[in-house]
Amino acid sequence: MKNQKGFTLIEMMIVLLVISVLLIITVPNISSHSSNINTKGCEAYMKMVEAQVQAYKIDKNKTPTFAELHGGGYLKSANEACPDGTLIEITTSGAVQKKSTTGTGG
């Protein structure tokens, strides 16, 4: 019988064990940081919208709505939500904040 080269079953099981341990360590860390990533992304989006509101106010001398920002080319879409789904609003002073859910009347 010729000397055959290849992996034995034990070697393959050891490799799978090492890969499994690495996955068990990394997956919980990644999933726990996803909410933090979404929060930071929403904060960055709100700051970007607020900067566009200020630019619009300089150009037009009034506080815009999302539709006006989109129509004027200041935003790519008139979406009033962060990428994670959090609704935001432009106040009368031009600040961008998370939309309050109380007192809307449904």
PDB file of N, CA and C in Angstrom:
ATOM      1  N   MET A   1       0.837  -1.172   0.000  1.00  0.00           N
ATOM      2  CA  MET A   1       0.000   0.000   0.000  1.00  0.00           C
ATOM      3  C   MET A   1       0.887   1.242   0.000  1.00  0.00           C
ATOM      4  N   LYS A   2       0.551   2.186  -0.874  1.00  0.00           N
ATOM      5  CA  LYS A   2       1.343   3.406  -0.991  1.00  0.00           C
ATOM      6  C   LYS A   2       1.116   4.309   0.205  1.00  0.00           C
ATOM      7  N   ASN A   3       2.094   5.168   0.472  1.00  0.00           N
ATOM      8  CA  ASN A   3       1.977   6.144   1.542  1.00  0.00           C
ATOM      9  C   ASN A   3       1.043   7.261   1.075  1.00  0.00           C
ATOM     10  N   GLN A   4      -0.176   7.289   1.614  1.00  0.00           N
ATOM     11  CA  GLN A   4      -1.167   8.272   1.190  1.00  0.00           C
ATOM     12  C   GLN A   4      -1.042   9.519   2.061  1.00  0.00           C
ATOM     13  N   LYS A   5      -1.131  10.678   1.393  1.00  0.00           N
ATOM     14  CA  LYS A   5      -1.046  11.942   2.112  1.00  0.00           C
ATOM     15  C   LYS A   5      -2.449  12.525   2.239  1.00  0.00           C
ATOM     16  N   GLY A   6      -2.748  13.069   3.395  1.00  0.00           N
ATOM     17  CA  GLY A   6      -4.055  13.662   3.640  1.00  0.00           C
ATOM     18  C   GLY A   6      -4.260  13.867   5.121  1.00  0.00           C
ATOM     19  N   PHE A   7      -5.448  14.352   5.464  1.00  0.00           N
ATOM     20  CA  PHE A   7      -5.761  14.618   6.860  1.00  0.00           C
ATOM     21  C   PHE A   7      -6.483  13.425   7.459  1.00  0.00           C
ATOM     22  N   THR A   8      -6.202  13.151   8.718  1.00  0.00           N
ATOM     23  CA  THR A   8      -6.932  12.102   9.411  1.00  0.00           C
ATOM     24  C   THR A   8      -8.187  12.701  10.017  1.00  0.00           C
ATOM     25  N   LEU A   9      -9.080  11.848  10.456  1.00  0.00           N
ATOM     26  CA  LEU A   9     -10.314  12.310  11.066  1.00  0.00           C
ATOM     27  C   LEU A   9     -10.029  13.106  12.341  1.00  0.00           C
ATOM     28  N   ILE A  10      -9.066  12.702  13.115  1.00  0.00           N
ATOM     29  CA  ILE A  10      -8.701  13.407  14.348  1.00  0.00           C
ATOM     30  C   ILE A  10      -8.214  14.819  14.032  1.00  0.00           C
ATOM     31  N   GLU A  11      -7.381  14.967  13.015  1.00  0.00           N
ATOM     32  CA  GLU A  11      -6.886  16.295  12.642  1.00  0.00           C
ATOM     33  C   GLU A  11      -8.019  17.211  12.208  1.00  0.00           C
ATOM     34  N   MET A  12      -8.945  16.676  11.442  1.00  0.00           N
ATOM     35  CA  MET A  12     -10.091  17.479  10.990  1.00  0.00           C
ATOM     36  C   MET A  12     -10.962  17.892  12.173  1.00  0.00           C
ATOM     37  N   MET A  13     -11.147  17.006  13.130  1.00  0.00           N
ATOM     38  CA  MET A  13     -11.967  17.330  14.303  1.00  0.00           C
ATOM     39  C   MET A  13     -11.288  18.398  15.164  1.00  0.00           C
ATOM     40  N   ILE A  14      -9.972  18.362  15.263  1.00  0.00           N
ATOM     41  CA  ILE A  14      -9.248  19.382  16.022  1.00  0.00           C
ATOM     42  C   ILE A  14      -9.394  20.743  15.356  1.00  0.00           C
ATOM     43  N   VAL A  15      -9.289  20.791  14.036  1.00  0.00           N
ATOM     44  CA  VAL A  15      -9.464  22.048  13.301  1.00  0.00           C
ATOM     45  C   VAL A  15     -10.872  22.592  13.510  1.00  0.00           C
ATOM     46  N   LEU A  16     -11.888  21.730  13.426  1.00  0.00           N
ATOM     47  CA  LEU A  16     -13.268  22.172  13.649  1.00  0.00           C
ATOM     48  C   LEU A  16     -13.477  22.660  15.078  1.00  0.00           C
ATOM     49  N   LEU A  17     -12.822  22.021  16.038  1.00  0.00           N
ATOM     50  CA  LEU A  17     -12.917  22.457  17.425  1.00  0.00           C
ATOM     51  C   LEU A  17     -12.324  23.855  17.601  1.00  0.00           C
ATOM     52  N   VAL A  18     -11.181  24.115  17.013  1.00  0.00           N
ATOM     53  CA  VAL A  18     -10.547  25.430  17.110  1.00  0.00           C
ATOM     54  C   VAL A  18     -11.423  26.495  16.462  1.00  0.00           C
ATOM     55  N   ILE A  19     -11.967  26.204  15.299  1.00  0.00           N
ATOM     56  CA  ILE A  19     -12.845  27.159  14.610  1.00  0.00           C
ATOM     57  C   ILE A  19     -14.089  27.427  15.449  1.00  0.00           C
ATOM     58  N   SER A  20     -14.656  26.389  16.038  1.00  0.00           N
ATOM     59  CA  SER A  20     -15.846  26.556  16.875  1.00  0.00           C
ATOM     60  C   SER A  20     -15.559  27.428  18.091  1.00  0.00           C
ATOM     61  N   VAL A  21     -14.431  27.221  18.731  1.00  0.00           N
ATOM     62  CA  VAL A  21     -14.075  28.034  19.890  1.00  0.00           C
ATOM     63  C   VAL A  21     -13.908  29.493  19.484  1.00  0.00           C
ATOM     64  N   LEU A  22     -13.283  29.747  18.353  1.00  0.00           N
ATOM     65  CA  LEU A  22     -13.122  31.125  17.884  1.00  0.00           C
ATOM     66  C   LEU A  22     -14.472  31.780  17.606  1.00  0.00           C
ATOM     67  N   LEU A  23     -15.397  31.031  17.007  1.00  0.00           N
ATOM     68  CA  LEU A  23     -16.730  31.573  16.738  1.00  0.00           C
ATOM     69  C   LEU A  23     -17.492  31.841  18.026  1.00  0.00           C
ATOM     70  N   ILE A  24     -17.372  30.953  18.993  1.00  0.00           N
ATOM     71  CA  ILE A  24     -18.060  31.140  20.270  1.00  0.00           C
ATOM     72  C   ILE A  24     -17.555  32.390  20.977  1.00  0.00           C
ATOM     73  N   ILE A  25     -16.292  32.705  20.811  1.00  0.00           N
ATOM     74  CA  ILE A  25     -15.724  33.894  21.452  1.00  0.00           C
ATOM     75  C   ILE A  25     -16.121  35.169  20.717  1.00  0.00           C
ATOM     76  N   THR A  26     -16.114  35.159  19.384  1.00  0.00           N
ATOM     77  CA  THR A  26     -16.309  36.396  18.624  1.00  0.00           C
ATOM     78  C   THR A  26     -17.764  36.773  18.386  1.00  0.00           C
ATOM     79  N   VAL A  27     -18.659  35.833  18.171  1.00  0.00           N
ATOM     80  CA  VAL A  27     -20.041  36.165  17.817  1.00  0.00           C
ATOM     81  C   VAL A  27     -20.745  36.973  18.900  1.00  0.00           C
ATOM     82  N   PRO A  28     -20.680  36.618  20.179  1.00  0.00           N
ATOM     83  CA  PRO A  28     -21.349  37.459  21.180  1.00  0.00           C
ATOM     84  C   PRO A  28     -20.786  38.879  21.251  1.00  0.00           C
ATOM     85  N   ASN A  29     -19.497  39.039  21.039  1.00  0.00           N
ATOM     86  CA  ASN A  29     -18.909  40.380  21.066  1.00  0.00           C
ATOM     87  C   ASN A  29     -19.428  41.229  19.919  1.00  0.00           C
ATOM     88  N   ILE A  30     -19.559  40.642  18.757  1.00  0.00           N
ATOM     89  CA  ILE A  30     -20.050  41.386  17.594  1.00  0.00           C
ATOM     90  C   ILE A  30     -21.505  41.780  17.792  1.00  0.00           C
ATOM     91  N   SER A  31     -22.332  40.858  18.266  1.00  0.00           N
ATOM     92  CA  SER A  31     -23.754  41.162  18.422  1.00  0.00           C
ATOM     93  C   SER A  31     -23.996  42.176  19.541  1.00  0.00           C
ATOM     94  N   SER A  32     -23.167  42.186  20.573  1.00  0.00           N
ATOM     95  CA  SER A  32     -23.369  43.160  21.645  1.00  0.00           C
ATOM     96  C   SER A  32     -22.995  44.568  21.202  1.00  0.00           C
ATOM     97  N   HIS A  33     -22.145  44.710  20.220  1.00  0.00           N
ATOM     98  CA  HIS A  33     -21.739  46.029  19.748  1.00  0.00           C
ATOM     99  C   HIS A  33     -22.651  46.574  18.654  1.00  0.00           C
ATOM    100  N   SER A  34     -23.559  45.767  18.113  1.00  0.00           N
ATOM    101  CA  SER A  34     -24.388  46.242  17.006  1.00  0.00           C
ATOM    102  C   SER A  34     -25.312  47.378  17.432  1.00  0.00           C
ATOM    103  N   SER A  35     -25.863  47.330  18.642  1.00  0.00           N
ATOM    104  CA  SER A  35     -26.727  48.423  19.088  1.00  0.00           C
ATOM    105  C   SER A  35     -25.920  49.707  19.269  1.00  0.00           C
ATOM    106  N   ASN A  36     -24.696  49.583  19.746  1.00  0.00           N
ATOM    107  CA  ASN A  36     -23.826  50.748  19.891  1.00  0.00           C
ATOM    108  C   ASN A  36     -23.496  51.340  18.523  1.00  0.00           C
ATOM    109  N   ILE A  37     -23.267  50.490  17.545  1.00  0.00           N
ATOM    110  CA  ILE A  37     -22.974  50.945  16.180  1.00  0.00           C
ATOM    111  C   ILE A  37     -24.179  51.678  15.606  1.00  0.00           C
ATOM    112  N   ASN A  38     -25.389  51.141  15.805  1.00  0.00           N
ATOM    113  CA  ASN A  38     -26.598  51.799  15.304  1.00  0.00           C
ATOM    114  C   ASN A  38     -26.812  53.157  15.961  1.00  0.00           C
ATOM    115  N   THR A  39     -26.539  53.251  17.256  1.00  0.00           N
ATOM    116  CA  THR A  39     -26.695  54.523  17.963  1.00  0.00           C
ATOM    117  C   THR A  39     -25.722  55.564  17.418  1.00  0.00           C
ATOM    118  N   LYS A  40     -24.475  55.175  17.238  1.00  0.00           N
ATOM    119  CA  LYS A  40     -23.472  56.106  16.700  1.00  0.00           C
ATOM    120  C   LYS A  40     -23.832  56.527  15.274  1.00  0.00           C
ATOM    121  N   GLY A  41     -24.352  55.589  14.476  1.00  0.00           N
ATOM    122  CA  GLY A  41     -24.747  55.912  13.110  1.00  0.00           C
ATOM    123  C   GLY A  41     -25.890  56.909  13.074  1.00  0.00           C
ATOM    124  N   CYS A  42     -26.846  56.758  13.985  1.00  0.00           N
ATOM    125  CA  CYS A  42     -27.976  57.686  14.038  1.00  0.00           C
ATOM    126  C   CYS A  42     -27.506  59.073  14.477  1.00  0.00           C
ATOM    127  N   GLU A  43     -26.604  59.121  15.454  1.00  0.00           N
ATOM    128  CA  GLU A  43     -26.076  60.415  15.897  1.00  0.00           C
ATOM    129  C   GLU A  43     -25.336  61.124  14.761  1.00  0.00           C
ATOM    130  N   ALA A  44     -24.576  60.374  13.989  1.00  0.00           N
ATOM    131  CA  ALA A  44     -23.849  60.960  12.863  1.00  0.00           C
ATOM    132  C   ALA A  44     -24.821  61.468  11.790  1.00  0.00           C
ATOM    133  N   TYR A  45     -25.881  60.690  11.520  1.00  0.00           N
ATOM    134  CA  TYR A  45     -26.871  61.104  10.528  1.00  0.00           C
ATOM    135  C   TYR A  45     -27.575  62.382  10.989  1.00  0.00           C
ATOM    136  N   MET A  46     -27.908  62.457  12.273  1.00  0.00           N
ATOM    137  CA  MET A  46     -28.570  63.653  12.791  1.00  0.00           C
ATOM    138  C   MET A  46     -27.672  64.879  12.668  1.00  0.00           C
ATOM    139  N   LYS A  47     -26.389  64.737  12.923  1.00  0.00           N
ATOM    140  CA  LYS A  47     -25.460  65.864  12.781  1.00  0.00           C
ATOM    141  C   LYS A  47     -25.336  66.292  11.325  1.00  0.00           C
ATOM    142  N   MET A  48     -25.346  65.312  10.414  1.00  0.00           N
ATOM    143  CA  MET A  48     -25.255  65.642   8.998  1.00  0.00           C
ATOM    144  C   MET A  48     -26.507  66.397   8.537  1.00  0.00           C
ATOM    145  N   VAL A  49     -27.684  65.937   8.993  1.00  0.00           N
ATOM    146  CA  VAL A  49     -28.927  66.633   8.633  1.00  0.00           C
ATOM    147  C   VAL A  49     -28.932  68.040   9.222  1.00  0.00           C
ATOM    148  N   GLU A  50     -28.459  68.169  10.450  1.00  0.00           N
ATOM    149  CA  GLU A  50     -28.419  69.495  11.076  1.00  0.00           C
ATOM    150  C   GLU A  50     -27.491  70.438  10.313  1.00  0.00           C
ATOM    151  N   ALA A  51     -26.388  69.926   9.802  1.00  0.00           N
ATOM    152  CA  ALA A  51     -25.487  70.758   9.001  1.00  0.00           C
ATOM    153  C   ALA A  51     -26.178  71.193   7.713  1.00  0.00           C
ATOM    154  N   GLN A  52     -26.962  70.308   7.118  1.00  0.00           N
ATOM    155  CA  GLN A  52     -27.679  70.663   5.893  1.00  0.00           C
ATOM    156  C   GLN A  52     -28.799  71.668   6.186  1.00  0.00           C
ATOM    157  N   VAL A  53     -29.408  71.552   7.359  1.00  0.00           N
ATOM    158  CA  VAL A  53     -30.418  72.533   7.767  1.00  0.00           C
ATOM    159  C   VAL A  53     -29.776  73.915   7.882  1.00  0.00           C
ATOM    160  N   GLN A  54     -28.597  73.969   8.482  1.00  0.00           N
ATOM    161  CA  GLN A  54     -27.903  75.258   8.616  1.00  0.00           C
ATOM    162  C   GLN A  54     -27.543  75.834   7.249  1.00  0.00           C
ATOM    163  N   ALA A  55     -27.087  74.977   6.345  1.00  0.00           N
ATOM    164  CA  ALA A  55     -26.762  75.452   4.991  1.00  0.00           C
ATOM    165  C   ALA A  55     -28.012  75.981   4.288  1.00  0.00           C
ATOM    166  N   TYR A  56     -29.140  75.282   4.464  1.00  0.00           N
ATOM    167  CA  TYR A  56     -30.396  75.726   3.858  1.00  0.00           C
ATOM    168  C   TYR A  56     -30.824  77.069   4.450  1.00  0.00           C
ATOM    169  N   LYS A  57     -30.689  77.214   5.776  1.00  0.00           N
ATOM    170  CA  LYS A  57     -31.073  78.463   6.427  1.00  0.00           C
ATOM    171  C   LYS A  57     -30.227  79.628   5.938  1.00  0.00           C
ATOM    172  N   ILE A  58     -28.954  79.383   5.673  1.00  0.00           N
ATOM    173  CA  ILE A  58     -28.085  80.440   5.150  1.00  0.00           C
ATOM    174  C   ILE A  58     -28.529  80.841   3.747  1.00  0.00           C
ATOM    175  N   ASP A  59     -28.868  79.831   2.938  1.00  0.00           N
ATOM    176  CA  ASP A  59     -29.264  80.109   1.553  1.00  0.00           C
ATOM    177  C   ASP A  59     -30.655  80.726   1.438  1.00  0.00           C
ATOM    178  N   LYS A  60     -31.631  80.192   2.172  1.00  0.00           N
ATOM    179  CA  LYS A  60     -33.037  80.578   1.983  1.00  0.00           C
ATOM    180  C   LYS A  60     -33.603  81.430   3.115  1.00  0.00           C
ATOM    181  N   ASN A  61     -32.861  81.566   4.207  1.00  0.00           N
ATOM    182  CA  ASN A  61     -33.268  82.373   5.345  1.00  0.00           C
ATOM    183  C   ASN A  61     -34.553  81.865   6.009  1.00  0.00           C
ATOM    184  N   LYS A  62     -34.731  80.533   6.055  1.00  0.00           N
ATOM    185  CA  LYS A  62     -35.853  79.928   6.776  1.00  0.00           C
ATOM    186  C   LYS A  62     -35.497  78.498   7.152  1.00  0.00           C
ATOM    187  N   THR A  63     -36.199  77.980   8.149  1.00  0.00           N
ATOM    188  CA  THR A  63     -35.964  76.609   8.596  1.00  0.00           C
ATOM    189  C   THR A  63     -36.710  75.653   7.667  1.00  0.00           C
ATOM    190  N   PRO A  64     -36.017  74.659   7.108  1.00  0.00           N
ATOM    191  CA  PRO A  64     -36.642  73.777   6.117  1.00  0.00           C
ATOM    192  C   PRO A  64     -37.318  72.562   6.751  1.00  0.00           C
ATOM    193  N   THR A  65     -38.095  71.873   5.912  1.00  0.00           N
ATOM    194  CA  THR A  65     -38.614  70.549   6.251  1.00  0.00           C
ATOM    195  C   THR A  65     -37.736  69.530   5.523  1.00  0.00           C
ATOM    196  N   PHE A  66     -37.959  68.257   5.810  1.00  0.00           N
ATOM    197  CA  PHE A  66     -37.189  67.228   5.111  1.00  0.00           C
ATOM    198  C   PHE A  66     -37.467  67.263   3.614  1.00  0.00           C
ATOM    199  N   ALA A  67     -38.716  67.521   3.242  1.00  0.00           N
ATOM    200  CA  ALA A  67     -39.060  67.578   1.820  1.00  0.00           C
ATOM    201  C   ALA A  67     -38.338  68.732   1.129  1.00  0.00           C
ATOM    202  N   GLU A  68     -38.243  69.872   1.800  1.00  0.00           N
ATOM    203  CA  GLU A  68     -37.545  71.015   1.219  1.00  0.00           C
ATOM    204  C   GLU A  68     -36.045  70.755   1.094  1.00  0.00           C
ATOM    205  N   LEU A  69     -35.482  70.062   2.088  1.00  0.00           N
ATOM    206  CA  LEU A  69     -34.062  69.704   1.993  1.00  0.00           C
ATOM    207  C   LEU A  69     -33.815  68.771   0.820  1.00  0.00           C
ATOM    208  N   HIS A  70     -34.710  67.821   0.637  1.00  0.00           N
ATOM    209  CA  HIS A  70     -34.561  66.885  -0.479  1.00  0.00           C
ATOM    210  C   HIS A  70     -34.780  67.596  -1.815  1.00  0.00           C
ATOM    211  N   GLY A  71     -35.802  68.414  -1.888  1.00  0.00           N
ATOM    212  CA  GLY A  71     -36.110  69.124  -3.126  1.00  0.00           C
ATOM    213  C   GLY A  71     -35.014  70.104  -3.523  1.00  0.00           C
ATOM    214  N   GLY A  72     -34.336  70.673  -2.544  1.00  0.00           N
ATOM    215  CA  GLY A  72     -33.264  71.623  -2.829  1.00  0.00           C
ATOM    216  C   GLY A  72     -31.917  70.974  -3.069  1.00  0.00           C
ATOM    217  N   GLY A  73     -31.860  69.645  -2.992  1.00  0.00           N
ATOM    218  CA  GLY A  73     -30.602  68.941  -3.232  1.00  0.00           C
ATOM    219  C   GLY A  73     -29.685  68.862  -2.019  1.00  0.00           C
ATOM    220  N   TYR A  74     -30.202  69.180  -0.848  1.00  0.00           N
ATOM    221  CA  TYR A  74     -29.386  69.132   0.365  1.00  0.00           C
ATOM    222  C   TYR A  74     -29.302  67.711   0.932  1.00  0.00           C
ATOM    223  N   LEU A  75     -30.352  66.914   0.710  1.00  0.00           N
ATOM    224  CA  LEU A  75     -30.376  65.514   1.135  1.00  0.00           C
ATOM    225  C   LEU A  75     -30.737  64.631  -0.046  1.00  0.00           C
ATOM    226  N   LYS A  76     -30.238  63.389  -0.028  1.00  0.00           N
ATOM    227  CA  LYS A  76     -30.554  62.466  -1.112  1.00  0.00           C
ATOM    228  C   LYS A  76     -31.988  61.963  -1.046  1.00  0.00           C
ATOM    229  N   SER A  77     -32.561  61.886   0.163  1.00  0.00           N
ATOM    230  CA  SER A  77     -33.950  61.453   0.301  1.00  0.00           C
ATOM    231  C   SER A  77     -34.616  62.285   1.389  1.00  0.00           C
ATOM    232  N   ALA A  78     -35.939  62.292   1.357  1.00  0.00           N
ATOM    233  CA  ALA A  78     -36.704  63.036   2.353  1.00  0.00           C
ATOM    234  C   ALA A  78     -37.065  62.137   3.531  1.00  0.00           C
ATOM    235  N   ASN A  79     -36.289  61.108   3.774  1.00  0.00           N
ATOM    236  CA  ASN A  79     -36.553  60.154   4.843  1.00  0.00           C
ATOM    237  C   ASN A  79     -36.347  60.819   6.199  1.00  0.00           C
ATOM    238  N   GLU A  80     -37.353  60.723   7.050  1.00  0.00           N
ATOM    239  CA  GLU A  80     -37.297  61.339   8.377  1.00  0.00           C
ATOM    240  C   GLU A  80     -36.860  60.341   9.438  1.00  0.00           C
ATOM    241  N   ALA A  81     -36.047  59.368   9.062  1.00  0.00           N
ATOM    242  CA  ALA A  81     -35.600  58.353  10.013  1.00  0.00           C
ATOM    243  C   ALA A  81     -34.122  58.065   9.813  1.00  0.00           C
ATOM    244  N   CYS A  82     -33.480  57.696  10.913  1.00  0.00           N
ATOM    245  CA  CYS A  82     -32.094  57.241  10.848  1.00  0.00           C
ATOM    246  C   CYS A  82     -32.049  55.895  10.138  1.00  0.00           C
ATOM    247  N   PRO A  83     -30.878  55.466   9.714  1.00  0.00           N
ATOM    248  CA  PRO A  83     -30.777  54.144   9.085  1.00  0.00           C
ATOM    249  C   PRO A  83     -31.258  52.997   9.976  1.00  0.00           C
ATOM    250  N   ASP A  84     -31.230  53.179  11.301  1.00  0.00           N
ATOM    251  CA  ASP A  84     -31.721  52.128  12.196  1.00  0.00           C
ATOM    252  C   ASP A  84     -33.222  52.225  12.453  1.00  0.00           C
ATOM    253  N   GLY A  85     -33.900  53.208  11.867  1.00  0.00           N
ATOM    254  CA  GLY A  85     -35.349  53.328  11.988  1.00  0.00           C
ATOM    255  C   GLY A  85     -35.818  54.358  12.997  1.00  0.00           C
ATOM    256  N   THR A  86     -34.918  54.976  13.743  1.00  0.00           N
ATOM    257  CA  THR A  86     -35.300  55.984  14.715  1.00  0.00           C
ATOM    258  C   THR A  86     -35.801  57.233  13.997  1.00  0.00           C
ATOM    259  N   LEU A  87     -37.006  57.679  14.348  1.00  0.00           N
ATOM    260  CA  LEU A  87     -37.565  58.868  13.708  1.00  0.00           C
ATOM    261  C   LEU A  87     -36.919  60.121  14.281  1.00  0.00           C
ATOM    262  N   ILE A  88     -36.645  61.071  13.395  1.00  0.00           N
ATOM    263  CA  ILE A  88     -36.055  62.341  13.813  1.00  0.00           C
ATOM    264  C   ILE A  88     -36.895  63.484  13.265  1.00  0.00           C
ATOM    265  N   GLU A  89     -36.720  64.670  13.844  1.00  0.00           N
ATOM    266  CA  GLU A  89     -37.474  65.836  13.406  1.00  0.00           C
ATOM    267  C   GLU A  89     -36.581  67.067  13.444  1.00  0.00           C
ATOM    268  N   ILE A  90     -36.987  68.062  12.663  1.00  0.00           N
ATOM    269  CA  ILE A  90     -36.299  69.352  12.643  1.00  0.00           C
ATOM    270  C   ILE A  90     -37.147  70.315  13.468  1.00  0.00           C
ATOM    271  N   THR A  91     -36.563  70.896  14.508  1.00  0.00           N
ATOM    272  CA  THR A  91     -37.311  71.837  15.340  1.00  0.00           C
ATOM    273  C   THR A  91     -37.410  73.187  14.639  1.00  0.00           C
ATOM    274  N   THR A  92     -38.217  74.069  15.187  1.00  0.00           N
ATOM    275  CA  THR A  92     -38.382  75.400  14.592  1.00  0.00           C
ATOM    276  C   THR A  92     -37.097  76.211  14.641  1.00  0.00           C
ATOM    277  N   SER A  93     -36.214  75.876  15.593  1.00  0.00           N
ATOM    278  CA  SER A  93     -34.935  76.584  15.676  1.00  0.00           C
ATOM    279  C   SER A  93     -33.889  76.005  14.727  1.00  0.00           C
ATOM    280  N   GLY A  94     -34.209  74.876  14.089  1.00  0.00           N
ATOM    281  CA  GLY A  94     -33.276  74.263  13.152  1.00  0.00           C
ATOM    282  C   GLY A  94     -32.471  73.115  13.724  1.00  0.00           C
ATOM    283  N   ALA A  95     -32.708  72.788  14.984  1.00  0.00           N
ATOM    284  CA  ALA A  95     -32.001  71.649  15.590  1.00  0.00           C
ATOM    285  C   ALA A  95     -32.656  70.353  15.131  1.00  0.00           C
ATOM    286  N   VAL A  96     -31.865  69.310  15.054  1.00  0.00           N
ATOM    287  CA  VAL A  96     -32.378  67.992  14.679  1.00  0.00           C
ATOM    288  C   VAL A  96     -32.344  67.126  15.926  1.00  0.00           C
ATOM    289  N   GLN A  97     -33.499  66.511  16.236  1.00  0.00           N
ATOM    290  CA  GLN A  97     -33.586  65.681  17.432  1.00  0.00           C
ATOM    291  C   GLN A  97     -34.441  64.458  17.152  1.00  0.00           C
ATOM    292  N   LYS A  98     -34.359  63.491  18.062  1.00  0.00           N
ATOM    293  CA  LYS A  98     -35.214  62.318  17.945  1.00  0.00           C
ATOM    294  C   LYS A  98     -36.650  62.755  18.165  1.00  0.00           C
ATOM    295  N   LYS A  99     -37.546  62.208  17.350  1.00  0.00           N
ATOM    296  CA  LYS A  99     -38.936  62.594  17.429  1.00  0.00           C
ATOM    297  C   LYS A  99     -39.551  62.042  18.708  1.00  0.00           C
ATOM    298  N   SER A 100     -40.261  62.903  19.429  1.00  0.00           N
ATOM    299  CA  SER A 100     -40.917  62.450  20.650  1.00  0.00           C
ATOM    300  C   SER A 100     -42.155  61.662  20.269  1.00  0.00           C
ATOM    301  N   THR A 101     -42.407  60.581  21.012  1.00  0.00           N
ATOM    302  CA  THR A 101     -43.555  59.724  20.704  1.00  0.00           C
ATOM    303  C   THR A 101     -44.744  60.055  21.566  1.00  0.00           C
ATOM    304  N   THR A 102     -44.593  60.952  22.527  1.00  0.00           N
ATOM    305  CA  THR A 102     -45.717  61.306  23.390  1.00  0.00           C
ATOM    306  C   THR A 102     -46.420  62.540  22.871  1.00  0.00           C
ATOM    307  N   GLY A 103     -47.713  62.571  23.044  1.00  0.00           N
ATOM    308  CA  GLY A 103     -48.484  63.753  22.692  1.00  0.00           C
ATOM    309  C   GLY A 103     -48.766  63.899  21.213  1.00  0.00           C
ATOM    310  N   THR A 104     -48.578  62.846  20.423  1.00  0.00           N
ATOM    311  CA  THR A 104     -48.844  62.961  18.994  1.00  0.00           C
ATOM    312  C   THR A 104     -50.302  62.711  18.668  1.00  0.00           C
ATOM    313  N   GLY A 105     -51.037  62.038  19.566  1.00  0.00           N
ATOM    314  CA  GLY A 105     -52.452  61.814  19.333  1.00  0.00           C
ATOM    315  C   GLY A 105     -52.739  60.655  18.414  1.00  0.00           C
ATOM    316  N   GLY A 106     -51.754  59.854  18.045  1.00  0.00           N
ATOM    317  CA  GLY A 106     -51.938  58.634  17.267  1.00  0.00           C
ATOM    318  C   GLY A 106     -52.005  58.921  15.853  1.00  0.00           C
TER     319      GLY A 106
END
